[in-house]
Every structure is written in structure tokens, then in C-alpha cells.
Amino acid sequence: MFKFLESRDPATIALKVEGKVTEEDALKMDQHVKETFGDDTPFNMLAIFDKLDGSSLKGLTKGTKFDAKRWDQFRKFAIISDKKWLEVSTKVGNYLPGVTAEHFDSSQLEQAWDWIKQ
């Protein structure tokens, strides 16, 4: 489930991810981006992952479609988590064109905001 948080930067979506990511979450995210940034304005994302149970197959599929649809708009992606597999996944994300991703431990929220606003 996605929970939108107050962002410290107008060009950044801040959210907390808990439990399972569903198709509804992907649709809610797409609607939020469309309302806030339209179809062309670049944006960043800061996501705090806590108590992640995984993704439903439909949610994962819709999330992937969201990523592909909005790919040209992504600039930076800060991932905050103590989960090792998310840290490894973040490093892989840096090989995708146009996106810079960085992993931060849960104790490094301030550093994540500093990085994303640079």
C-alpha cells in the first residue's frame, strides 16, 4: 500500500510503502503524477519501504506499466530501507537510462532529502 507523505521539494513525490503493492496503488500513483506533473514535467521520487510483504502480480504488472509510461519523467529515485535486496535492486536501477537511483538506510532520511534536492 502507498501512503503519500508531505514532500519537502515541489519536484519530488514522497511516499511510504507498506504491505503489498497492488494494482490500485499503481493506478493511484499514475493519477497523482498526472495531476501534479502532467505528462511531460520531470519529477523525483523518495520512497520509504517499511514492512514490505511483496507485490501482488497485478500490482507488479501495473507498476511496471506505470514505470514504462512515465520513464522519461523520472529524474532521481531515493529508496529508504534496511532491506538488503532493495539496496541491490537500487544499484541495478542506476544502469537504466535517464534515472539516478540511490539507496539509504532508514536512519539516513535527511541525507536522502539532501541528495534528491541537489
Protein backbone atom coordinates (compact mmCIF):
# COMPACT_ATOMS: atom_id res chain seq x y z
CA MET A 1 0.00 0.00 0.00
CA PHE A 2 1.22 3.51 -0.87
CA LYS A 3 0.77 6.39 1.53
CA PHE A 4 1.67 9.80 0.14
CA LEU A 5 3.75 11.90 2.54
CA GLU A 6 4.31 15.63 2.65
CA SER A 7 7.17 16.40 0.29
CA ARG A 8 9.98 18.79 1.15
CA ASP A 9 10.55 19.52 -2.54
CA PRO A 10 7.92 20.51 -5.12
CA ALA A 11 9.58 18.31 -7.78
CA THR A 12 9.51 15.20 -5.57
CA ILE A 13 6.82 12.68 -4.68
CA ALA A 14 7.36 11.34 -1.16
CA LEU A 15 5.66 8.14 -0.13
CA LYS A 16 5.73 5.28 2.32
CA VAL A 17 5.30 1.75 1.02
CA GLU A 18 3.94 -0.87 3.42
CA GLY A 19 2.50 -4.31 2.96
CA LYS A 20 1.64 -5.34 -0.58
CA VAL A 21 1.78 -3.06 -3.60
CA THR A 22 -1.42 -3.53 -5.55
CA GLU A 23 -2.88 -2.58 -8.91
CA GLU A 24 -4.88 0.10 -7.08
CA ASP A 25 -1.62 1.60 -5.76
CA ALA A 26 -0.16 1.78 -9.28
CA LEU A 27 -3.31 3.48 -10.58
CA LYS A 28 -3.32 5.91 -7.65
CA MET A 29 0.33 6.77 -8.33
CA ASP A 30 -0.30 7.32 -12.03
CA GLN A 31 -3.24 9.63 -11.24
CA HIS A 32 -1.13 11.57 -8.71
CA VAL A 33 1.66 12.09 -11.24
CA LYS A 34 -0.79 13.15 -13.93
CA GLU A 35 -2.46 15.70 -11.62
CA THR A 36 0.80 17.03 -10.18
CA PHE A 37 3.26 16.87 -13.09
CA GLY A 38 1.20 16.21 -16.20
CA ASP A 39 2.64 14.00 -18.90
CA ASP A 40 5.93 15.84 -19.51
CA THR A 41 7.28 17.51 -16.36
CA PRO A 42 10.20 15.63 -14.76
CA PHE A 43 9.92 14.54 -11.14
CA ASN A 44 11.82 12.73 -8.39
CA MET A 45 10.58 10.07 -6.02
CA LEU A 46 11.55 9.42 -2.41
CA ALA A 47 10.12 6.12 -1.17
CA ILE A 48 10.35 4.74 2.35
CA PHE A 49 9.89 0.97 2.37
CA ASP A 50 8.64 -0.45 5.66
CA LYS A 51 7.19 -3.87 6.43
CA LEU A 52 7.08 -4.81 2.76
CA ASP A 53 5.23 -8.07 2.13
CA GLY A 54 5.75 -8.13 -1.61
CA SER A 55 3.59 -7.20 -4.56
CA SER A 56 0.53 -8.78 -5.98
CA LEU A 57 1.10 -9.97 -9.55
CA LYS A 58 -1.47 -7.49 -10.89
CA GLY A 59 0.09 -4.67 -8.86
CA LEU A 60 3.55 -5.52 -10.12
CA THR A 61 2.32 -5.62 -13.72
CA LYS A 62 0.52 -2.28 -13.39
CA GLY A 63 3.54 -0.79 -11.60
CA THR A 64 5.79 -1.84 -14.46
CA LYS A 65 3.39 -0.26 -16.94
CA PHE A 66 3.43 2.92 -14.84
CA ASP A 67 7.24 2.96 -14.86
CA ALA A 68 7.39 2.48 -18.63
CA LYS A 69 4.76 5.14 -19.26
CA ARG A 70 6.45 7.72 -17.01
CA TRP A 71 10.08 6.72 -17.67
CA ASP A 72 11.02 9.96 -19.45
CA GLN A 73 9.76 11.94 -16.47
CA PHE A 74 11.81 10.17 -13.75
CA ARG A 75 14.96 12.01 -12.63
CA LYS A 76 16.03 10.73 -9.21
CA PHE A 77 14.74 7.88 -7.10
CA ALA A 78 15.74 7.75 -3.41
CA ILE A 79 14.97 4.44 -1.74
CA ILE A 80 14.99 4.32 2.05
CA SER A 81 15.03 0.82 3.51
CA ASP A 82 17.00 -1.56 5.67
CA LYS A 83 16.25 -4.44 3.30
CA LYS A 84 19.39 -5.70 1.59
CA TRP A 85 17.56 -6.84 -1.58
CA LEU A 86 16.26 -3.29 -2.12
CA GLU A 87 19.79 -1.94 -1.80
CA VAL A 88 20.97 -4.35 -4.51
CA SER A 89 17.96 -3.53 -6.71
CA THR A 90 18.75 0.18 -6.41
CA LYS A 91 22.25 -0.37 -7.80
CA VAL A 92 20.77 -2.17 -10.80
CA GLY A 93 18.43 0.78 -11.36
CA ASN A 94 21.41 3.06 -11.98
CA TYR A 95 22.03 1.24 -15.26
CA LEU A 96 18.68 2.37 -16.64
CA PRO A 97 18.95 5.39 -18.95
CA GLY A 98 17.96 8.77 -17.53
CA VAL A 99 17.36 7.64 -13.94
CA THR A 100 19.66 8.09 -10.98
CA ALA A 101 18.80 5.87 -8.01
CA GLU A 102 20.34 5.86 -4.56
CA HIS A 103 19.70 3.63 -1.54
CA PHE A 104 19.69 4.96 2.02
CA ASP A 105 19.28 3.14 5.32
CA SER A 106 16.23 4.07 7.39
CA SER A 107 18.44 6.24 9.63
CA GLN A 108 19.52 8.37 6.63
CA LEU A 109 16.29 10.20 5.77
CA GLU A 110 17.93 13.64 5.96
CA GLN A 111 20.76 12.55 3.67
CA ALA A 112 18.20 11.18 1.21
CA TRP A 113 16.38 14.53 1.09
CA ASP A 114 19.68 16.39 0.68
CA TRP A 115 20.65 14.10 -2.21
CA ILE A 116 17.33 14.32 -4.01
CA LYS A 117 17.25 18.14 -3.83
CA GLN A 118 20.74 18.54 -5.35
